[in-house]
Every structure is written in C-alpha cells, then in structure tokens.
C-alpha atoms as a PDB file:
ATOM      1  CA  MET A   1       0.000   0.000   0.000  1.00  0.00           C
ATOM      2  CA  SER A   2       1.208   3.514  -0.676  1.00  0.00           C
ATOM      3  CA  ASP A   3       0.066   5.094   2.561  1.00  0.00           C
ATOM      4  CA  ILE A   4       2.586   7.221   4.425  1.00  0.00           C
ATOM      5  CA  LYS A   5       2.054   6.450   8.106  1.00  0.00           C
ATOM      6  CA  GLN A   6       1.097   9.309  10.391  1.00  0.00           C
ATOM      7  CA  ARG A   7       4.031  10.179  12.590  1.00  0.00           C
ATOM      8  CA  GLY A   8       4.799  13.452  14.246  1.00  0.00           C
ATOM      9  CA  GLY A   9       1.708  15.162  12.842  1.00  0.00           C
ATOM     10  CA  ILE A  10       2.254  14.061   9.228  1.00  0.00           C
ATOM     11  CA  LYS A  11      -0.950  13.015   7.489  1.00  0.00           C
ATOM     12  CA  MET A  12      -1.235   9.703   5.688  1.00  0.00           C
ATOM     13  CA  LEU A  13      -1.204  10.197   1.930  1.00  0.00           C
ATOM     14  CA  ILE A  14      -2.389   7.904  -0.828  1.00  0.00           C
ATOM     15  CA  ILE A  15      -0.670   7.866  -4.227  1.00  0.00           C
ATOM     16  CA  THR A  16      -3.253   7.354  -6.947  1.00  0.00           C
ATOM     17  CA  ALA A  17      -2.372   6.927 -10.606  1.00  0.00           C
ATOM     18  CA  ARG A  18      -3.855   9.001 -13.402  1.00  0.00           C
ATOM     19  CA  PRO A  19      -4.516   6.042 -15.756  1.00  0.00           C
ATOM     20  CA  ASN A  20      -5.012   8.034 -18.964  1.00  0.00           C
ATOM     21  CA  ALA A  21      -1.922  10.113 -18.279  1.00  0.00           C
ATOM     22  CA  LEU A  22       0.191   6.997 -17.700  1.00  0.00           C
ATOM     23  CA  GLN A  23      -0.847   5.379 -20.948  1.00  0.00           C
ATOM     24  CA  SER A  24      -0.458   8.615 -22.932  1.00  0.00           C
ATOM     25  CA  ALA A  25       3.034   9.221 -21.544  1.00  0.00           C
ATOM     26  CA  ARG A  26       4.066   5.630 -22.309  1.00  0.00           C
ATOM     27  CA  LEU A  27       2.757   5.822 -25.860  1.00  0.00           C
ATOM     28  CA  ARG A  28       4.493   9.193 -26.427  1.00  0.00           C
ATOM     29  CA  LYS A  29       7.768   7.477 -25.518  1.00  0.00           C
ATOM     30  CA  GLY A  30       6.899   4.705 -27.972  1.00  0.00           C
ATOM     31  CA  TYR A  31       7.017   1.951 -25.342  1.00  0.00           C
ATOM     32  CA  SER A  32       4.886  -1.161 -25.405  1.00  0.00           C
ATOM     33  CA  LEU A  33       3.710  -2.449 -22.026  1.00  0.00           C
ATOM     34  CA  ARG A  34       6.460  -5.079 -22.100  1.00  0.00           C
ATOM     35  CA  GLU A  35       9.137  -2.499 -22.956  1.00  0.00           C
ATOM     36  CA  MET A  36       7.868  -0.265 -20.169  1.00  0.00           C
ATOM     37  CA  ALA A  37       8.074  -3.160 -17.733  1.00  0.00           C
ATOM     38  CA  LYS A  38      11.661  -3.885 -18.734  1.00  0.00           C
ATOM     39  CA  ILE A  39      12.788  -0.239 -18.656  1.00  0.00           C
ATOM     40  CA  SER A  40      11.078   0.583 -15.359  1.00  0.00           C
ATOM     41  CA  GLY A  41      11.712  -2.702 -13.563  1.00  0.00           C
ATOM     42  CA  ILE A  42       8.019  -2.941 -12.724  1.00  0.00           C
ATOM     43  CA  ASN A  43       5.958  -6.044 -13.352  1.00  0.00           C
ATOM     44  CA  PHE A  44       4.051  -5.984 -16.666  1.00  0.00           C
ATOM     45  CA  SER A  45       0.802  -6.833 -14.876  1.00  0.00           C
ATOM     46  CA  THR A  46       1.198  -3.938 -12.437  1.00  0.00           C
ATOM     47  CA  ILE A  47       1.693  -1.446 -15.259  1.00  0.00           C
ATOM     48  CA  SER A  48      -1.245  -2.831 -17.233  1.00  0.00           C
ATOM     49  CA  LYS A  49      -3.609  -2.801 -14.240  1.00  0.00           C
ATOM     50  CA  THR A  50      -2.509   0.705 -13.262  1.00  0.00           C
ATOM     51  CA  GLU A  51      -3.087   2.037 -16.782  1.00  0.00           C
ATOM     52  CA  LYS A  52      -6.536   0.436 -16.920  1.00  0.00           C
ATOM     53  CA  GLY A  53      -7.467   1.885 -13.526  1.00  0.00           C
ATOM     54  CA  VAL A  54      -7.911  -1.585 -12.016  1.00  0.00           C
ATOM     55  CA  GLN A  55      -5.072  -0.944  -9.574  1.00  0.00           C
ATOM     56  CA  LYS A  56      -5.649   2.575  -8.312  1.00  0.00           C
ATOM     57  CA  ARG A  57      -3.031   2.943  -5.586  1.00  0.00           C
ATOM     58  CA  VAL A  58       0.681   2.603  -6.145  1.00  0.00           C
ATOM     59  CA  THR A  59       3.659   2.553  -3.835  1.00  0.00           C
ATOM     60  CA  PRO A  60       6.145   5.423  -3.748  1.00  0.00           C
ATOM     61  CA  ARG A  61       8.745   3.112  -5.325  1.00  0.00           C
ATOM     62  CA  VAL A  62       6.496   2.212  -8.267  1.00  0.00           C
ATOM     63  CA  ALA A  63       5.543   5.864  -8.802  1.00  0.00           C
ATOM     64  CA  ARG A  64       9.219   6.901  -8.835  1.00  0.00           C
ATOM     65  CA  GLN A  65      10.212   4.142 -11.245  1.00  0.00           C
ATOM     66  CA  ILE A  66       7.386   5.003 -13.633  1.00  0.00           C
ATOM     67  CA  CYS A  67       8.252   8.710 -13.552  1.00  0.00           C
ATOM     68  CA  GLU A  68      11.918   7.983 -14.212  1.00  0.00           C
ATOM     69  CA  ALA A  69      11.197   5.553 -17.063  1.00  0.00           C
ATOM     70  CA  LEU A  70       8.819   7.993 -18.746  1.00  0.00           C
ATOM     71  CA  GLU A  71      10.880  11.081 -17.883  1.00  0.00           C
ATOM     72  CA  ALA A  72       7.691  12.627 -16.535  1.00  0.00           C
ATOM     73  CA  SER A  73       6.854  14.568 -13.406  1.00  0.00           C
ATOM     74  CA  PHE A  74       5.043  12.983 -10.493  1.00  0.00           C
ATOM     75  CA  ASP A  75       2.235  15.542 -10.731  1.00  0.00           C
ATOM     76  CA  ASP A  76       1.593  14.679 -14.382  1.00  0.00           C
ATOM     77  CA  LEU A  77       1.111  10.970 -13.649  1.00  0.00           C
ATOM     78  CA  PHE A  78      -0.113  10.710 -10.042  1.00  0.00           C
ATOM     79  CA  ILE A  79      -2.322  12.374  -7.460  1.00  0.00           C
ATOM     80  CA  LEU A  80      -1.579  12.635  -3.735  1.00  0.00           C
ATOM     81  CA  THR A  81      -4.705  12.495  -1.591  1.00  0.00           C
ATOM     82  CA  PRO A  82      -4.937  12.613   2.195  1.00  0.00           C
ATOM     83  CA  ALA A  83      -6.084   9.180   3.364  1.00  0.00           C
ATOM     84  CA  ASP A  84      -8.918  10.641   5.429  1.00  0.00           C
ATOM     85  CA  GLU A  85     -10.473  12.154   2.273  1.00  0.00           C
ATOM     86  CA  GLN A  86     -10.565   8.747   0.583  1.00  0.00           C
ATOM     87  CA  MET A  87     -12.028   7.145   3.683  1.00  0.00           C
ATOM     88  CA  GLY A  88     -14.793   9.748   3.925  1.00  0.00           C
ATOM     89  CA  VAL A  89     -13.579  11.118   7.255  1.00  0.00           C
END
C-alpha cells in the first residue's frame, strides 16, 4: 500500500495513478507495455492494471520508477490524496 504512516503530525497520503496520463506518456515514448516493464523494472501486470485503472493505488517506489522511465513529473502521472479524504472522514 502507498500510505505514508502518520508520525509526528504528518498526514497519511495515498498515491493514486492518473490512468489516462500513464498510458499517454508511455505511448508518447513509444514503449509497449512489455518495454515499459523492462525499462522501469516494474511487473508488466502492475503497469497494465494501473493504466486500466484496475489498480488505483501505487507505492512510492512504483511511482518513482514510472516517472523515471517515462521522464515525466510525479504531478503529471499521479495524485496525492490525504487518506482521510478517501475514507470519507
């Protein structure tokens, strides 16, 4: 899970992928899903599910690896949301 634990007053944050942005960025680079998996070091299935919106949350490591592989900014590909907003608190 991509939650950042609350410690010392820091709120838990959830990293959520922007599926359309991920696929668009990958296609702009000319990468197939398999090429993206090899370049990023992320499992093919994880990339596919994230692009399709099946897997909504990602870990900080996965987000970083995707951003580096696509040479894209975090804000272009992902959204940070306080955990309490997603839980309806």
